[in-house]
Protein backbone atom coordinates (compact mmCIF):
# COMPACT_ATOMS: atom_id res chain seq x y z
CA MET A 1 101.60 2.88 149.03
CA THR A 2 100.77 5.52 151.69
CA ASN A 3 102.36 5.52 154.92
CA ARG A 4 99.66 6.18 157.30
CA TYR A 5 102.11 6.04 160.56
CA LEU A 6 104.23 9.02 159.40
CA PRO A 7 102.68 11.23 157.02
CA TRP A 8 104.35 14.45 158.63
CA GLY A 9 103.54 16.86 155.63
CA GLN A 10 100.08 15.95 156.10
CA LEU A 11 99.95 16.22 159.60
CA TRP A 12 101.83 19.60 159.53
CA LYS A 13 98.97 20.79 157.08
CA TYR A 14 96.36 19.50 159.47
CA LEU A 15 98.10 21.07 162.42
CA GLY A 16 98.53 24.61 160.58
CA GLY A 17 94.43 24.29 159.26
CA ALA A 18 93.65 23.54 162.85
CA ALA A 19 95.49 26.38 164.55
CA ALA A 20 94.06 28.69 161.94
CA ALA A 21 90.39 27.63 162.78
CA ARG A 22 90.87 27.70 166.45
CA ALA A 23 92.99 31.13 166.41
CA GLY A 24 90.21 32.75 164.68
CA ASP A 25 87.30 31.17 166.98
CA GLU A 26 89.50 32.35 170.05
CA MET A 27 89.97 35.93 168.25
CA SER A 28 86.03 35.86 167.68
CA GLY A 29 85.32 36.17 171.25
CA PRO A 30 87.14 39.27 172.50
CA ALA A 31 86.28 40.77 168.96
CA LEU A 32 82.52 40.46 169.39
CA LEU A 33 82.71 41.85 172.75
CA LEU A 34 84.47 44.84 171.52
CA LEU A 35 82.28 45.15 168.52
CA GLY A 36 78.92 45.11 170.76
CA LEU A 37 80.75 48.06 172.87
CA ALA A 38 81.38 50.03 169.74
CA VAL A 39 78.54 49.84 168.08
CA THR A 40 75.85 50.27 171.21
CA GLY A 41 78.08 51.66 173.77
CA ARG A 42 76.89 48.89 176.17
CA PRO A 43 78.94 45.79 177.15
CA ALA A 44 76.00 43.77 177.51
CA THR A 45 75.71 44.06 173.73
CA GLY A 46 78.93 42.08 173.05
CA SER A 47 78.18 39.61 175.80
CA GLU A 48 74.82 38.75 174.09
CA LEU A 49 76.88 38.36 170.80
CA LEU A 50 79.10 35.75 172.25
CA ALA A 51 76.81 33.76 174.49
CA SER A 52 74.52 33.28 171.56
CA VAL A 53 77.51 31.59 169.70
CA THR A 54 78.67 29.78 172.68
CA VAL A 55 75.05 28.56 173.56
CA ALA A 56 74.28 27.48 169.78
CA GLY A 57 77.49 25.56 169.67
CA THR A 58 76.99 23.61 172.76
CA VAL A 59 73.75 22.39 171.67
CA GLY A 60 74.44 21.79 167.86
CA GLY A 61 77.41 19.90 168.93
CA PRO A 62 75.74 16.17 169.42
CA PHE A 63 73.80 16.60 166.00
CA PHE A 64 76.88 18.05 163.95
CA GLY A 65 78.92 14.93 165.17
CA ALA A 66 76.07 12.80 164.03
CA LEU A 67 75.76 14.44 160.99
CA LEU A 68 80.03 14.03 160.44
CA ASP A 69 79.75 9.95 161.34
CA ARG A 70 76.57 9.62 158.87
CA ALA A 71 78.54 11.20 155.72
CA ARG A 72 80.30 8.98 153.31
CA ARG A 73 82.69 12.14 152.84
CA PRO A 74 83.25 13.71 156.34
CA ASP A 75 86.27 15.82 154.89
CA ARG A 76 83.36 17.54 152.72
CA VAL A 77 81.35 18.12 155.72
CA LEU A 78 84.10 19.40 157.87
CA ALA A 79 85.41 21.97 155.15
CA GLY A 80 81.55 23.24 154.29
CA THR A 81 81.00 23.41 158.17
CA LEU A 82 84.12 25.55 158.65
CA ALA A 83 83.15 27.81 155.56
CA ALA A 84 79.51 28.04 157.18
CA TYR A 85 81.01 29.35 160.46
CA ALA A 86 83.34 31.55 159.01
CA LEU A 87 80.57 33.30 156.75
CA GLY A 88 78.61 33.42 159.75
CA ILE A 89 81.00 35.49 161.79
CA GLY A 90 81.72 37.69 159.02
CA ALA A 91 77.87 38.21 158.58
CA ILE A 92 77.81 39.40 162.30
CA GLY A 93 80.53 41.64 161.78
CA ALA A 94 78.67 43.23 158.60
CA ALA A 95 75.22 43.42 160.42
CA ALA A 96 76.26 44.79 163.69
CA GLY A 97 74.98 48.45 163.72
CA ALA A 98 73.71 48.01 160.17
CA LEU A 99 70.65 45.79 161.50
CA PRO A 100 68.42 45.86 164.66
CA MET A 101 70.44 43.85 167.31
CA PRO A 102 67.78 40.85 167.70
CA PHE A 103 68.40 40.15 163.86
CA VAL A 104 72.02 40.05 164.58
CA VAL A 105 71.52 37.81 167.89
CA VAL A 106 69.78 35.62 165.49
CA ILE A 107 72.85 35.54 163.05
CA ALA A 108 75.02 34.79 165.89
CA LEU A 109 72.81 32.05 166.80
CA THR A 110 72.68 30.32 163.33
CA ALA A 111 76.66 30.99 162.92
CA GLY A 112 77.38 29.16 166.23
CA LEU A 113 75.77 25.73 165.15
CA PHE A 114 78.60 25.37 162.88
CA ASN A 115 81.03 26.01 166.01
CA PRO A 116 81.53 22.58 166.87
CA ALA A 117 83.75 22.13 163.38
CA VAL A 118 86.85 23.97 165.06
CA ALA A 119 86.98 21.70 168.13
CA GLY A 120 85.50 18.37 168.23
CA GLY A 121 84.92 17.89 164.64
CA TRP A 122 88.25 18.59 163.74
CA THR A 123 90.07 16.38 166.36
CA SER A 124 87.95 13.43 165.19
CA GLN A 125 89.85 13.50 161.65
CA LEU A 126 93.08 13.13 163.29
CA PRO A 127 93.34 9.04 163.28
CA ARG A 128 92.84 9.49 159.36
CA ILE A 129 96.20 10.62 159.31
CA VAL A 130 98.23 8.99 161.96
CA THR A 131 97.51 5.80 163.52
CA GLY A 132 99.31 3.16 165.90
CA PRO A 133 101.89 4.47 168.35
CA GLU A 134 102.06 7.98 166.34
CA LEU A 135 98.53 8.72 167.42
CA ALA A 136 99.72 9.83 170.96
CA ARG A 137 102.13 12.13 169.45
CA GLY A 138 99.72 13.51 167.10
CA SER A 139 97.06 14.09 169.88
CA ALA A 140 99.68 16.04 171.78
CA MET A 141 100.31 18.03 168.78
CA ASP A 142 97.01 18.75 168.16
CA ALA A 143 96.33 19.75 171.82
CA MET A 144 98.95 22.68 171.45
CA THR A 145 96.99 24.27 168.79
CA PHE A 146 94.60 25.07 171.30
CA SER A 147 97.12 26.43 173.65
CA THR A 148 98.72 28.47 170.65
CA ALA A 149 95.02 29.73 169.73
CA SER A 150 94.20 30.86 173.00
CA LEU A 151 97.55 32.76 173.28
CA ALA A 152 97.73 34.53 170.17
CA GLY A 153 93.51 34.80 169.31
CA PRO A 154 92.77 37.63 171.88
CA ALA A 155 96.52 39.33 171.69
CA LEU A 156 95.76 39.73 167.67
CA ALA A 157 91.99 40.55 168.33
CA ALA A 158 93.11 43.59 170.80
CA LEU A 159 95.86 44.66 168.48
CA ILE A 160 93.54 44.98 165.35
CA ALA A 161 90.55 46.56 167.29
CA ALA A 162 93.02 49.24 168.63
CA ALA A 163 94.72 49.94 165.27
CA PHE A 164 91.70 49.57 162.73
CA GLY A 165 88.39 48.98 164.77
CA ALA A 166 86.41 45.99 166.19
CA ARG A 167 84.75 45.36 163.06
CA LEU A 168 87.98 44.60 161.33
CA ALA A 169 88.83 42.34 163.98
CA VAL A 170 85.87 40.35 163.64
CA ILE A 171 86.27 39.97 159.99
CA THR A 172 89.75 39.14 160.52
CA ALA A 173 88.70 36.23 162.75
CA ALA A 174 86.36 34.83 160.14
CA ALA A 175 89.00 35.10 157.81
CA LEU A 176 91.36 32.91 159.75
CA VAL A 177 88.54 30.25 160.15
CA GLY A 178 88.05 30.33 156.45
CA LEU A 179 91.56 29.23 155.93
CA ALA A 180 91.23 26.25 157.44
CA VAL A 181 88.83 25.11 154.77
CA PRO A 182 91.70 24.02 152.33
CA ALA A 183 93.60 21.82 155.17
CA ALA A 184 89.98 20.06 155.73
CA CYS A 185 89.36 19.27 151.86
CA SER A 186 92.99 17.90 151.86
CA LEU A 187 91.56 14.93 154.21
CA ARG A 188 90.09 13.50 151.37
CA ARG A 189 93.45 11.73 150.72
CA TYR A 190 93.02 9.91 153.68
CA PRO A 191 90.00 7.40 153.82
CA PRO A 192 88.54 6.40 156.92
CA THR A 193 91.13 4.01 159.23
CA ARG A 194 88.56 1.10 158.20
CA ALA A 195 86.26 0.09 155.53
CA PRO A 196 82.48 0.69 156.55
CA GLY A 197 81.29 -2.54 158.42
CA PRO A 198 77.71 -3.59 159.31
CA ALA A 199 77.92 -1.60 162.69
CA GLN A 200 78.58 1.37 160.40
CA ALA A 201 76.12 0.95 157.79
CA LYS A 202 73.33 0.38 160.65
CA HIS A 203 74.29 3.54 162.30
CA ARG A 204 73.94 5.57 159.41
CA GLN A 205 70.32 4.26 158.62
CA LEU A 206 69.29 5.70 161.97
CA ALA A 207 67.20 8.82 162.38
CA ALA A 208 69.43 11.51 163.30
CA TYR A 209 67.93 11.86 167.11
CA ARG A 210 68.49 7.91 167.48
CA GLN A 211 72.19 8.61 166.38
CA VAL A 212 72.49 11.60 169.13
CA THR A 213 70.97 9.13 171.77
CA ALA A 214 73.62 6.08 170.57
CA GLY A 215 76.39 8.78 171.02
CA PHE A 216 75.38 9.51 174.74
CA ALA A 217 74.68 5.60 175.20
CA ALA A 218 78.29 5.02 173.86
CA ILE A 219 79.79 7.40 176.39
CA VAL A 220 78.05 6.10 179.23
CA SER A 221 78.47 2.30 178.46
CA ARG A 222 82.44 2.69 178.01
CA ARG A 223 83.77 2.96 181.32
CA PRO A 224 86.81 4.59 180.57
CA LEU A 225 85.45 7.23 178.09
CA LEU A 226 82.77 8.07 180.69
CA ARG A 227 85.55 8.51 183.21
CA ALA A 228 87.63 10.83 181.38
CA THR A 229 84.31 12.62 179.73
CA VAL A 230 83.08 13.59 183.58
CA THR A 231 86.54 14.18 184.88
CA SER A 232 87.08 16.90 182.21
CA VAL A 233 83.79 18.43 182.44
CA VAL A 234 83.98 19.02 186.26
CA SER A 235 87.55 19.88 185.80
CA TYR A 236 86.61 22.49 183.17
CA ALA A 237 84.06 24.35 185.45
CA GLY A 238 86.88 25.20 187.94
CA ILE A 239 88.92 26.55 185.04
CA GLY A 240 85.95 28.67 183.97
CA MET A 241 86.12 30.01 187.45
CA LEU A 242 89.80 30.67 187.29
CA ILE A 243 89.33 32.65 183.86
CA VAL A 244 86.67 34.86 185.35
CA CYS A 245 88.87 35.76 188.42
CA CYS A 246 92.10 36.74 186.45
CA PRO A 247 90.98 40.30 186.10
CA VAL A 248 90.14 40.43 189.91
CA LEU A 249 93.60 38.98 190.58
CA GLY A 250 95.22 41.46 188.44
CA ALA A 251 93.62 44.24 190.45
CA GLN A 252 94.14 43.19 193.74
CA ARG A 253 97.58 41.52 193.58
CA LEU A 254 99.56 42.65 190.45
CA GLY A 255 98.29 46.46 190.18
CA GLY A 256 95.75 46.65 187.70
CA ALA A 257 92.62 44.72 186.32
CA THR A 258 94.41 44.73 182.82
CA ARG A 259 97.35 42.53 184.07
CA GLY A 260 94.91 39.91 184.45
CA ALA A 261 95.36 39.47 180.78
CA LEU A 262 99.13 38.32 182.03
CA LEU A 263 97.50 35.37 183.97
CA ILE A 264 95.58 33.98 180.88
CA SER A 265 98.65 34.48 178.86
CA ALA A 266 100.92 32.28 181.88
CA ILE A 267 97.95 29.62 181.43
CA ALA A 268 98.09 29.39 177.92
CA VAL A 269 102.24 29.36 177.55
CA ALA A 270 102.61 26.69 180.20
CA SER A 271 99.94 24.75 178.59
CA LEU A 272 101.76 24.98 175.18
CA ALA A 273 105.30 24.07 177.02
CA ALA A 274 103.75 21.05 178.44
CA ASN A 275 102.22 19.63 175.45
CA ALA A 276 105.38 20.26 173.67
CA ILE A 277 107.14 18.11 175.90
CA LEU A 278 104.59 15.55 175.72
CA ALA A 279 104.80 15.70 172.03
CA ARG A 280 108.67 15.06 171.96
CA ARG A 281 109.26 12.40 174.78
CA GLY A 282 105.73 11.10 175.15
CA TRP A 283 103.45 9.97 177.97
CA ARG A 284 105.07 6.34 179.22
CA GLY A 285 101.96 5.71 181.32
CA LYS A 286 98.36 5.07 180.20
CA PRO A 287 96.49 8.24 179.27
CA ASP A 288 93.62 7.23 181.96
CA ILE A 289 96.51 8.11 184.74
CA GLY A 290 97.23 11.11 183.06
CA VAL A 291 93.81 12.52 183.18
CA PHE A 292 93.72 12.00 186.87
CA VAL A 293 97.29 13.25 187.74
CA SER A 294 96.64 16.27 185.47
CA THR A 295 93.51 17.16 187.34
CA LEU A 296 95.23 16.91 190.79
CA ILE A 297 97.82 19.20 189.49
CA ILE A 298 95.23 21.84 188.36
CA GLY A 299 93.41 21.47 191.47
CA VAL A 300 96.65 22.27 193.74
CA SER A 301 97.72 25.11 191.83
CA MET A 302 94.32 26.45 192.31
CA ALA A 303 94.57 26.44 196.00
CA ALA A 304 98.10 28.06 195.74
CA ALA A 305 96.90 30.65 193.52
CA ALA A 306 94.18 31.43 196.06
CA LEU A 307 96.72 31.85 198.92
CA ALA A 308 99.84 33.17 196.98
CA PRO A 309 100.89 36.85 197.50
CA GLY A 310 101.85 39.28 195.02
CA TRP A 311 103.30 38.02 191.59
CA LEU A 312 103.56 34.45 192.95
CA THR A 313 100.32 34.44 191.71
CA VAL A 314 101.61 34.40 188.10
CA LEU A 315 103.65 31.16 188.90
CA ALA A 316 100.69 29.62 190.50
CA VAL A 317 98.13 30.16 187.70
CA ALA A 318 101.16 29.08 185.36
CA VAL A 319 101.08 25.61 186.97
CA VAL A 320 97.22 25.44 186.01
CA GLY A 321 98.43 25.49 182.33
CA ALA A 322 101.17 22.86 183.13
CA GLY A 323 98.07 20.50 184.32
CA GLU A 324 95.40 21.71 181.62
CA GLY A 325 97.37 21.02 178.46
CA PRO A 326 98.50 17.48 179.39
CA GLN A 327 94.75 17.04 180.55
CA LEU A 328 93.32 17.89 176.99
CA THR A 329 95.98 15.61 175.45
CA ALA A 330 95.11 12.73 177.69
CA VAL A 331 91.43 13.09 177.20
CA PHE A 332 92.18 13.11 173.40
CA ALA A 333 94.10 9.81 173.86
CA VAL A 334 91.09 7.88 175.52
CA ARG A 335 88.58 9.47 173.09
CA HIS A 336 90.46 8.08 170.35
CA ARG A 337 91.06 4.69 171.65
CA GLU A 338 87.80 4.18 173.11
CA SER A 339 85.66 5.60 170.36
CA PRO A 340 84.07 3.30 167.87
CA GLU A 341 85.17 4.36 164.13
CA HIS A 342 81.50 4.94 162.99
CA MET A 343 80.46 7.31 166.05
CA ARG A 344 83.85 8.99 166.62
CA GLY A 345 82.77 12.45 165.17
CA GLN A 346 79.91 12.54 167.21
CA ILE A 347 81.68 11.30 170.32
CA PHE A 348 84.08 14.18 169.95
CA THR A 349 81.86 16.87 169.26
CA THR A 350 79.31 15.83 172.02
CA ALA A 351 82.01 15.55 174.65
CA ALA A 352 83.35 19.11 173.64
CA SER A 353 79.70 20.20 173.98
CA LEU A 354 79.77 18.95 177.53
CA LYS A 355 83.17 20.57 178.42
CA ILE A 356 81.90 23.93 177.14
CA GLY A 357 78.69 23.49 179.14
CA GLY A 358 80.86 22.91 182.35
CA MET A 359 82.92 25.69 181.65
CA ALA A 360 80.18 28.32 181.03
CA ALA A 361 78.50 26.98 184.26
CA GLY A 362 81.88 27.49 186.39
CA ALA A 363 82.11 30.95 184.90
CA ALA A 364 78.70 32.00 186.02
CA LEU A 365 79.03 30.43 189.44
CA ALA A 366 82.50 32.46 189.69
CA GLY A 367 80.95 35.83 188.67
CA THR A 368 78.68 35.63 191.78
CA LEU A 369 81.71 34.73 194.09
CA ALA A 370 84.33 36.56 192.78
CA GLY A 371 82.95 39.62 193.66
CA ARG A 372 82.96 38.96 197.11
CA SER A 373 86.06 37.03 197.80
CA VAL A 374 88.40 36.02 195.13
CA THR A 375 90.30 33.93 197.44
CA GLY A 376 87.17 32.00 198.43
CA CYS A 377 86.02 32.00 194.75
CA LEU A 378 89.51 30.15 193.87
CA LEU A 379 89.15 27.84 196.72
CA VAL A 380 85.95 26.68 195.52
CA ALA A 381 87.39 26.25 192.33
CA ALA A 382 90.10 23.99 193.82
CA GLY A 383 87.44 22.09 195.81
CA ILE A 384 85.82 21.66 192.20
CA GLU A 385 88.88 19.75 190.89
CA LEU A 386 89.04 17.62 193.72
CA CYS A 387 85.45 16.64 192.97
CA ALA A 388 86.68 15.91 189.36
CA ALA A 389 89.41 13.59 190.75
CA ALA A 390 86.87 12.13 193.00
CA ALA A 391 84.65 11.42 190.28
CA TYR A 392 87.45 9.65 188.56
CA LEU A 393 88.15 7.15 191.27
CA LEU A 394 84.26 6.77 191.51
CA THR A 395 83.60 5.81 187.83
CA GLY A 396 87.22 3.87 187.86
CA ARG A 397 86.17 0.41 188.72
CA PRO A 398 83.07 -1.15 186.60
CA GLY A 399 80.92 -3.43 188.51
CA ARG A 400 79.47 -6.54 186.81
CA ARG A 401 76.35 -4.63 184.79
CA SER A 402 78.81 -1.59 183.50
CA ALA A 403 81.46 -4.45 182.61
CA SER A 404 78.79 -6.48 180.40
CA LEU A 405 77.97 -3.13 178.91
CA ASP A 406 81.69 -2.62 178.21
CA GLN A 407 81.82 -5.87 176.38
CA ALA A 408 78.40 -5.42 174.46
CA ALA A 409 79.68 -2.05 173.23
CA ARG A 410 82.63 -3.57 171.89
CA ALA A 411 81.42 -6.31 170.35
CA ALA A 412 78.62 -3.97 168.49
CA ALA A 413 81.59 -1.72 167.28
CA SER A 414 84.06 -4.50 166.28
CA PRO A 415 83.81 -6.13 163.11
CA ARG A 416 82.92 -9.66 162.32
CA PRO A 417 84.97 -10.91 159.50
CA ALA A 418 83.12 -14.77 159.68
CA GLN A 419 79.93 -13.19 158.67
CA ASN A 420 81.16 -11.81 155.69
CA VAL A 421 82.47 -15.39 154.41
CA PRO A 422 80.51 -17.10 151.62
CA ALA A 423 78.73 -20.13 152.86
CA ALA A 424 80.98 -22.14 150.45
CA ASP A 425 83.99 -21.14 151.67
CA ARG A 426 82.88 -20.78 155.29
CA ALA A 427 84.25 -24.46 156.39
CA VAL A 428 87.67 -23.44 155.14
CA ALA A 429 87.70 -19.97 156.92
CA LEU A 430 86.39 -21.17 160.08
CA PRO A 431 89.01 -22.73 162.55
CA ARG A 432 89.26 -26.65 162.77
CA PRO A 433 88.20 -27.94 166.14
CA ALA A 434 91.18 -28.97 168.33
CA GLU A 435 91.58 -32.92 168.58
CA LYS A 436 90.91 -34.51 171.92
CA VAL A 437 94.35 -35.66 173.35
CA ARG A 438 94.21 -38.94 175.39
CA PRO A 439 96.28 -39.51 178.45
CA LEU A 440 99.33 -42.09 177.99
CA THR A 441 98.94 -45.65 179.65
CA PRO A 442 101.31 -48.63 179.98
CA ARG A 443 98.94 -50.38 177.44
CA SER A 444 98.86 -47.56 175.05
CA VAL A 445 102.77 -47.09 175.32
CA ARG A 446 102.94 -50.79 174.54
CA GLN A 447 100.89 -50.46 171.54
CA ASN A 448 102.90 -47.81 170.30
CA ASP A 449 105.96 -49.78 170.76
CA ARG A 450 104.05 -52.54 168.49
CA ASP A 451 103.46 -49.92 165.80
CA LEU A 452 107.00 -48.82 165.54
CA CYS A 453 108.26 -52.45 165.27
């Protein structure tokens, strides 16, 4: 019998595939920026390619999640989508400079539709490998792959582009995503945690747009899931502002704009270290509290980064990573706990798309503010983190109507074994009604004594 609680060999294969795919995804961003600059000599070209991939991934997330939940073999869908994303990135690298740029943008938009497989699509399959108490540790280790990828991907892109050219950097990014395909295929050894029930069969029969609507409705109706989603989306808007501010901070406080990369690396290293501690020791409280506490840590550290002088900025920004890593782990834990089995993929990809949208909105806002005052921009980012914490509190206590929605959503997602019992055996399967207990009286006591005699 397969041990579903401690399959560490398969878990390491899963983590290796996730790290490879996410490193390739993180590498593709700066590689596309460098490729656009090398081909046309204009920085805007690389921005167009990267924006096309990002926007398409944000829009395609809910639809990919619906396809993943509808499939009887989600491992095949995941592997095929990863392969398509790798081919799409490689096609961008081959077409740039050989085809007119509008055609290359169309290729980038097409490739971006497969991007949700890297983040939410992959993480939604984790409960097929680890369940029960070990799922929290598995979520922390899964979150570590994001930090590792954000640290290694851009550095690898810069090294390969400097040594061999930006085109080869893009192709290498595609190859890293392709390396994850065998790991996705190996998930066939671990079927879904529950057999398909009536709710899952009914969900599969819905049209695609109805499945997408049902996914959003599930996030809204489940109060803990809504709270974690809203908090993380608003919080990632502040993180997007910080990323844009890093080159400006490097130029003004560290002696050069290129040293802003040290600040981004400090975020990734601190996030990786914090998640490593969580994977080893675990979070003793509820993950919902972890979402709130980590958001407060991010907000305080952003305010400190706004006011810190010189190299103390590196320390303040590193604390942002110490909050961002555990926040991601806690959000994963809440999603795994609250997502119905037949909608897990859609909820993960939809929530990930919303976070990407929040981060993009924050980056767009910071592009205007950072040029005027980087200190003011970071203070605004800290205020956004406080708004995220306030959103957590505002969605924390459900009212009567939201509580009834929670109960209805849970009832719809939970299986009902009694309905599957044959009619002939239903009397045996159902519990017997409890007998009515009569109170003791002096008369009944005398009657019992006579019976005993």
